C-alpha atoms as a PDB file:
ATOM      1  CA  MET A   1      11.393 -37.641  60.520  1.00  0.00           C
ATOM      2  CA  ALA A   2      12.158 -37.953  56.822  1.00  0.00           C
ATOM      3  CA  LYS A   3      14.538 -35.302  55.531  1.00  0.00           C
ATOM      4  CA  LYS A   4      15.759 -34.359  52.114  1.00  0.00           C
ATOM      5  CA  THR A   5      19.510 -34.684  52.188  1.00  0.00           C
ATOM      6  CA  SER A   6      22.452 -35.300  49.922  1.00  0.00           C
ATOM      7  CA  ASN A   7      24.474 -37.213  52.532  1.00  0.00           C
ATOM      8  CA  ALA A   8      25.579 -40.673  51.482  1.00  0.00           C
ATOM      9  CA  GLY A   9      23.519 -43.461  53.006  1.00  0.00           C
ATOM     10  CA  ARG A  10      20.376 -41.352  53.329  1.00  0.00           C
ATOM     11  CA  THR A  11      17.355 -41.479  51.068  1.00  0.00           C
ATOM     12  CA  LYS A  12      16.506 -38.307  49.171  1.00  0.00           C
ATOM     13  CA  LEU A  13      12.737 -38.024  48.793  1.00  0.00           C
ATOM     14  CA  PRO A  14      11.337 -36.683  45.542  1.00  0.00           C
ATOM     15  CA  LYS A  15      10.413 -33.010  45.618  1.00  0.00           C
ATOM     16  CA  GLU A  16       7.268 -33.483  43.532  1.00  0.00           C
ATOM     17  CA  HIS A  17       5.117 -36.154  45.106  1.00  0.00           C
ATOM     18  CA  TRP A  18       1.543 -35.189  44.239  1.00  0.00           C
ATOM     19  CA  MET A  19      -0.969 -36.356  41.657  1.00  0.00           C
ATOM     20  CA  THR A  20      -2.752 -33.730  39.598  1.00  0.00           C
ATOM     21  CA  ASP A  21      -6.298 -34.815  40.521  1.00  0.00           C
ATOM     22  CA  PRO A  22      -7.820 -36.551  43.558  1.00  0.00           C
ATOM     23  CA  GLN A  23      -8.530 -40.243  43.266  1.00  0.00           C
ATOM     24  CA  GLU A  24     -12.182 -41.253  42.895  1.00  0.00           C
ATOM     25  CA  HIS A  25     -12.253 -42.944  46.327  1.00  0.00           C
ATOM     26  CA  ASP A  26     -11.249 -39.651  48.012  1.00  0.00           C
ATOM     27  CA  PHE A  27     -14.706 -38.151  47.460  1.00  0.00           C
ATOM     28  CA  PRO A  28     -16.706 -40.839  49.332  1.00  0.00           C
ATOM     29  CA  ALA A  29     -14.054 -40.701  52.080  1.00  0.00           C
ATOM     30  CA  ALA A  30     -14.591 -36.940  52.335  1.00  0.00           C
ATOM     31  CA  ALA A  31     -18.371 -37.471  52.436  1.00  0.00           C
ATOM     32  CA  THR A  32     -18.024 -40.003  55.255  1.00  0.00           C
ATOM     33  CA  TYR A  33     -16.006 -37.564  57.353  1.00  0.00           C
ATOM     34  CA  LEU A  34     -18.175 -34.557  56.515  1.00  0.00           C
ATOM     35  CA  SER A  35     -21.305 -36.514  57.502  1.00  0.00           C
ATOM     36  CA  LEU A  36     -20.054 -36.253  61.084  1.00  0.00           C
ATOM     37  CA  VAL A  37     -20.039 -32.447  61.028  1.00  0.00           C
ATOM     38  CA  LEU A  38     -22.637 -31.453  58.391  1.00  0.00           C
ATOM     39  CA  ASP A  39     -26.209 -32.380  57.585  1.00  0.00           C
ATOM     40  CA  PRO A  40     -26.749 -34.747  54.604  1.00  0.00           C
ATOM     41  CA  VAL A  41     -27.770 -32.011  52.147  1.00  0.00           C
ATOM     42  CA  SER A  42     -24.691 -29.920  52.971  1.00  0.00           C
ATOM     43  CA  VAL A  43     -22.468 -33.002  52.613  1.00  0.00           C
ATOM     44  CA  GLU A  44     -23.875 -33.668  49.155  1.00  0.00           C
ATOM     45  CA  LEU A  45     -23.372 -30.031  48.135  1.00  0.00           C
ATOM     46  CA  ALA A  46     -19.836 -29.921  49.523  1.00  0.00           C
ATOM     47  CA  VAL A  47     -18.731 -33.126  47.780  1.00  0.00           C
ATOM     48  CA  ALA A  48     -20.274 -31.993  44.490  1.00  0.00           C
ATOM     49  CA  ALA A  49     -18.398 -28.693  44.835  1.00  0.00           C
ATOM     50  CA  LEU A  50     -15.135 -30.512  45.669  1.00  0.00           C
ATOM     51  CA  ARG A  51     -15.483 -32.573  42.478  1.00  0.00           C
ATOM     52  CA  GLN A  52     -15.726 -29.371  40.412  1.00  0.00           C
ATOM     53  CA  ALA A  53     -13.297 -27.121  42.291  1.00  0.00           C
ATOM     54  CA  PRO A  54     -10.004 -26.188  40.681  1.00  0.00           C
ATOM     55  CA  SER A  55      -6.811 -27.182  42.458  1.00  0.00           C
ATOM     56  CA  GLU A  56      -4.909 -24.580  44.454  1.00  0.00           C
ATOM     57  CA  MET A  57      -1.439 -24.913  45.912  1.00  0.00           C
ATOM     58  CA  ARG A  58      -1.083 -24.407  49.676  1.00  0.00           C
ATOM     59  CA  GLN A  59       1.727 -25.164  52.108  1.00  0.00           C
ATOM     60  CA  ALA A  60       1.426 -27.960  54.672  1.00  0.00           C
ATOM     61  CA  LYS A  61       2.225 -25.610  57.556  1.00  0.00           C
ATOM     62  CA  ASP A  62      -0.609 -23.267  56.551  1.00  0.00           C
ATOM     63  CA  ILE A  63      -3.139 -26.080  56.128  1.00  0.00           C
ATOM     64  CA  LEU A  64      -2.320 -27.404  59.606  1.00  0.00           C
ATOM     65  CA  ARG A  65      -2.504 -23.926  61.160  1.00  0.00           C
ATOM     66  CA  ALA A  66      -5.835 -23.093  59.508  1.00  0.00           C
ATOM     67  CA  SER A  67      -7.332 -26.458  60.491  1.00  0.00           C
ATOM     68  CA  ARG A  68      -6.031 -26.149  64.058  1.00  0.00           C
ATOM     69  CA  LEU A  69      -4.981 -29.795  63.851  1.00  0.00           C
ATOM     70  CA  GLU A  70      -1.765 -31.096  65.336  1.00  0.00           C
ATOM     71  CA  LEU A  71       1.020 -32.481  63.208  1.00  0.00           C
ATOM     72  CA  LEU A  72       0.918 -36.269  63.490  1.00  0.00           C
ATOM     73  CA  PRO A  73       4.310 -37.892  64.035  1.00  0.00           C
ATOM     74  CA  ALA A  74       6.106 -39.602  61.155  1.00  0.00           C
ATOM     75  CA  SER A  75       5.666 -42.818  63.159  1.00  0.00           C
ATOM     76  CA  ASP A  76       1.841 -42.616  62.908  1.00  0.00           C
ATOM     77  CA  PHE A  77       0.746 -45.677  60.917  1.00  0.00           C
ATOM     78  CA  HIS A  78      -1.006 -43.805  58.085  1.00  0.00           C
ATOM     79  CA  VAL A  79       1.582 -41.001  57.910  1.00  0.00           C
ATOM     80  CA  ALA A  80       4.335 -43.623  57.704  1.00  0.00           C
ATOM     81  CA  LEU A  81       2.451 -45.364  54.860  1.00  0.00           C
ATOM     82  CA  ASP A  82       2.256 -42.098  52.930  1.00  0.00           C
ATOM     83  CA  LEU A  83       5.944 -41.368  53.564  1.00  0.00           C
ATOM     84  CA  LYS A  84       6.782 -44.849  52.262  1.00  0.00           C
ATOM     85  CA  LYS A  85       4.680 -44.239  49.141  1.00  0.00           C
ATOM     86  CA  VAL A  86       6.661 -41.064  48.428  1.00  0.00           C
ATOM     87  CA  LYS A  87       9.967 -42.835  49.107  1.00  0.00           C
ATOM     88  CA  ASP A  88       8.907 -45.574  46.664  1.00  0.00           C
ATOM     89  CA  GLY A  89       8.115 -42.955  44.010  1.00  0.00           C
ATOM     90  CA  ASP A  90       4.322 -43.119  44.292  1.00  0.00           C
ATOM     91  CA  LYS A  91       2.431 -39.837  44.197  1.00  0.00           C
ATOM     92  CA  LEU A  92      -0.108 -38.771  46.812  1.00  0.00           C
ATOM     93  CA  SER A  93      -3.626 -37.627  46.040  1.00  0.00           C
ATOM     94  CA  PRO A  94      -4.438 -33.913  46.500  1.00  0.00           C
ATOM     95  CA  VAL A  95      -6.301 -33.008  49.678  1.00  0.00           C
ATOM     96  CA  LEU A  96      -9.949 -31.974  49.932  1.00  0.00           C
ATOM     97  CA  LEU A  97     -10.728 -28.974  52.134  1.00  0.00           C
ATOM     98  CA  VAL A  98     -13.758 -27.051  53.360  1.00  0.00           C
ATOM     99  CA  ARG A  99     -12.909 -23.430  54.106  1.00  0.00           C
ATOM    100  CA  GLY A 100     -13.393 -22.201  57.647  1.00  0.00           C
ATOM    101  CA  ILE A 101     -14.872 -18.889  58.754  1.00  0.00           C
ATOM    102  CA  LEU A 102     -12.287 -17.043  60.854  1.00  0.00           C
ATOM    103  CA  THR A 103     -14.720 -14.399  62.116  1.00  0.00           C
ATOM    104  CA  GLN A 104     -16.968 -17.137  63.510  1.00  0.00           C
ATOM    105  CA  GLY A 105     -14.175 -19.298  64.928  1.00  0.00           C
ATOM    106  CA  VAL A 106     -14.754 -22.087  62.392  1.00  0.00           C
ATOM    107  CA  SER A 107     -11.538 -23.824  61.376  1.00  0.00           C
ATOM    108  CA  LEU A 108     -10.608 -25.145  57.976  1.00  0.00           C
ATOM    109  CA  THR A 109     -11.833 -28.742  57.674  1.00  0.00           C
ATOM    110  CA  ILE A 110      -9.604 -31.341  56.063  1.00  0.00           C
ATOM    111  CA  ALA A 111     -12.348 -33.479  54.535  1.00  0.00           C
ATOM    112  CA  ASP A 112      -9.811 -35.939  53.116  1.00  0.00           C
ATOM    113  CA  GLY A 113      -6.030 -35.995  53.318  1.00  0.00           C
ATOM    114  CA  TYR A 114      -4.998 -35.205  56.917  1.00  0.00           C
ATOM    115  CA  HIS A 115      -2.357 -37.943  56.940  1.00  0.00           C
ATOM    116  CA  ARG A 116      -1.067 -36.814  53.538  1.00  0.00           C
ATOM    117  CA  VAL A 117      -0.719 -33.240  54.809  1.00  0.00           C
ATOM    118  CA  CYS A 118       1.245 -34.488  57.818  1.00  0.00           C
ATOM    119  CA  ALA A 119       3.473 -36.700  55.646  1.00  0.00           C
ATOM    120  CA  SER A 120       4.183 -33.777  53.338  1.00  0.00           C
ATOM    121  CA  TYR A 121       5.010 -31.555  56.317  1.00  0.00           C
ATOM    122  CA  HIS A 122       7.608 -34.114  57.428  1.00  0.00           C
ATOM    123  CA  ILE A 123       9.155 -33.962  53.961  1.00  0.00           C
ATOM    124  CA  SER A 124       9.073 -30.152  53.830  1.00  0.00           C
ATOM    125  CA  GLU A 125       6.726 -27.843  55.708  1.00  0.00           C
ATOM    126  CA  ASN A 126       7.095 -25.318  52.863  1.00  0.00           C
ATOM    127  CA  ALA A 127       6.287 -27.688  50.013  1.00  0.00           C
ATOM    128  CA  ASP A 128       3.174 -26.841  48.046  1.00  0.00           C
ATOM    129  CA  ILE A 129       0.274 -29.280  48.314  1.00  0.00           C
ATOM    130  CA  PRO A 130      -2.444 -29.372  45.661  1.00  0.00           C
ATOM    131  CA  CYS A 131      -5.831 -28.837  47.317  1.00  0.00           C
ATOM    132  CA  ARG A 132      -9.421 -28.452  46.326  1.00  0.00           C
ATOM    133  CA  ILE A 133     -11.045 -25.886  48.598  1.00  0.00           C
ATOM    134  CA  VAL A 134     -14.774 -25.158  48.823  1.00  0.00           C
ATOM    135  CA  ASP A 135     -17.082 -23.022  50.930  1.00  0.00           C
ATOM    136  CA  VAL A 136     -20.235 -24.530  52.413  1.00  0.00           C
ATOM    137  CA  SER A 137     -21.242 -21.617  54.631  1.00  0.00           C
ATOM    138  CA  SER A 138     -23.834 -20.567  52.080  1.00  0.00           C
ATOM    139  CA  ALA A 139     -25.557 -23.981  52.238  1.00  0.00           C
ATOM    140  CA  PRO A 140     -27.756 -23.812  55.354  1.00  0.00           C
ATOM    141  CA  ALA A 141     -28.369 -26.956  57.369  1.00  0.00           C
ATOM    142  CA  ARG A 142     -31.779 -28.541  56.920  1.00  0.00           C
ATOM    143  CA  GLY A 143     -34.196 -26.886  59.305  1.00  0.00           C
ATOM    144  CA  ALA A 144     -31.705 -24.148  60.171  1.00  0.00           C
ATOM    145  CA  ARG A 145     -32.081 -20.502  59.288  1.00  0.00           C
ATOM    146  CA  ALA A 146     -29.901 -19.141  56.535  1.00  0.00           C
ATOM    147  CA  ARG A 147     -27.146 -16.818  57.652  1.00  0.00           C
ATOM    148  CA  THR A 148     -28.175 -13.191  57.263  1.00  0.00           C
ATOM    149  CA  SER A 149     -26.343  -9.926  57.489  1.00  0.00           C
ATOM    150  CA  PRO A 150     -26.386  -8.184  60.889  1.00  0.00           C
ATOM    151  CA  THR A 151     -28.517  -5.346  59.487  1.00  0.00           C
ATOM    152  CA  ARG A 152     -31.366  -7.602  58.307  1.00  0.00           C
ATOM    153  CA  PRO A 153     -33.583  -9.626  60.616  1.00  0.00           C
ATOM    154  CA  ALA A 154     -33.561 -13.389  60.148  1.00  0.00           C
ATOM    155  CA  PRO A 155     -36.463 -14.705  58.063  1.00  0.00           C
ATOM    156  CA  THR A 156     -39.399 -16.027  60.018  1.00  0.00           C
ATOM    157  CA  SER A 157     -41.032 -19.364  59.298  1.00  0.00           C
END
């Protein structure tokens, strides 16, 4: 586990290790992942929204809790690569998130950046991570009924 320390012989990792904006290749990567859990129209809408969303700062520990994903070890190949990038002074790309729906048991989805979140957690679980967060619950799946309020009947076809 990488730690920030002032002890001689140990490497002190930079506190700020994030780019301002996601890299262009992050959006197709997010689309590839989202295509496993959303229909094609919803994927397109989500990625378009992620491109336009403002960045928000969130802590690694909260992102992992909301996504219900486990922290990958620092020895994981991709986490180790991201930790090395930070150690070398390279900045990581912000993460792309799709908001969950707590009342329906839907977790936050890390569309792109799971390994970066884990690497950041190993540096400091309280460090802020720039994220773009979007909602796709209002974009119904093709052929599915739109979500309605409990007091209104669902539309009929």
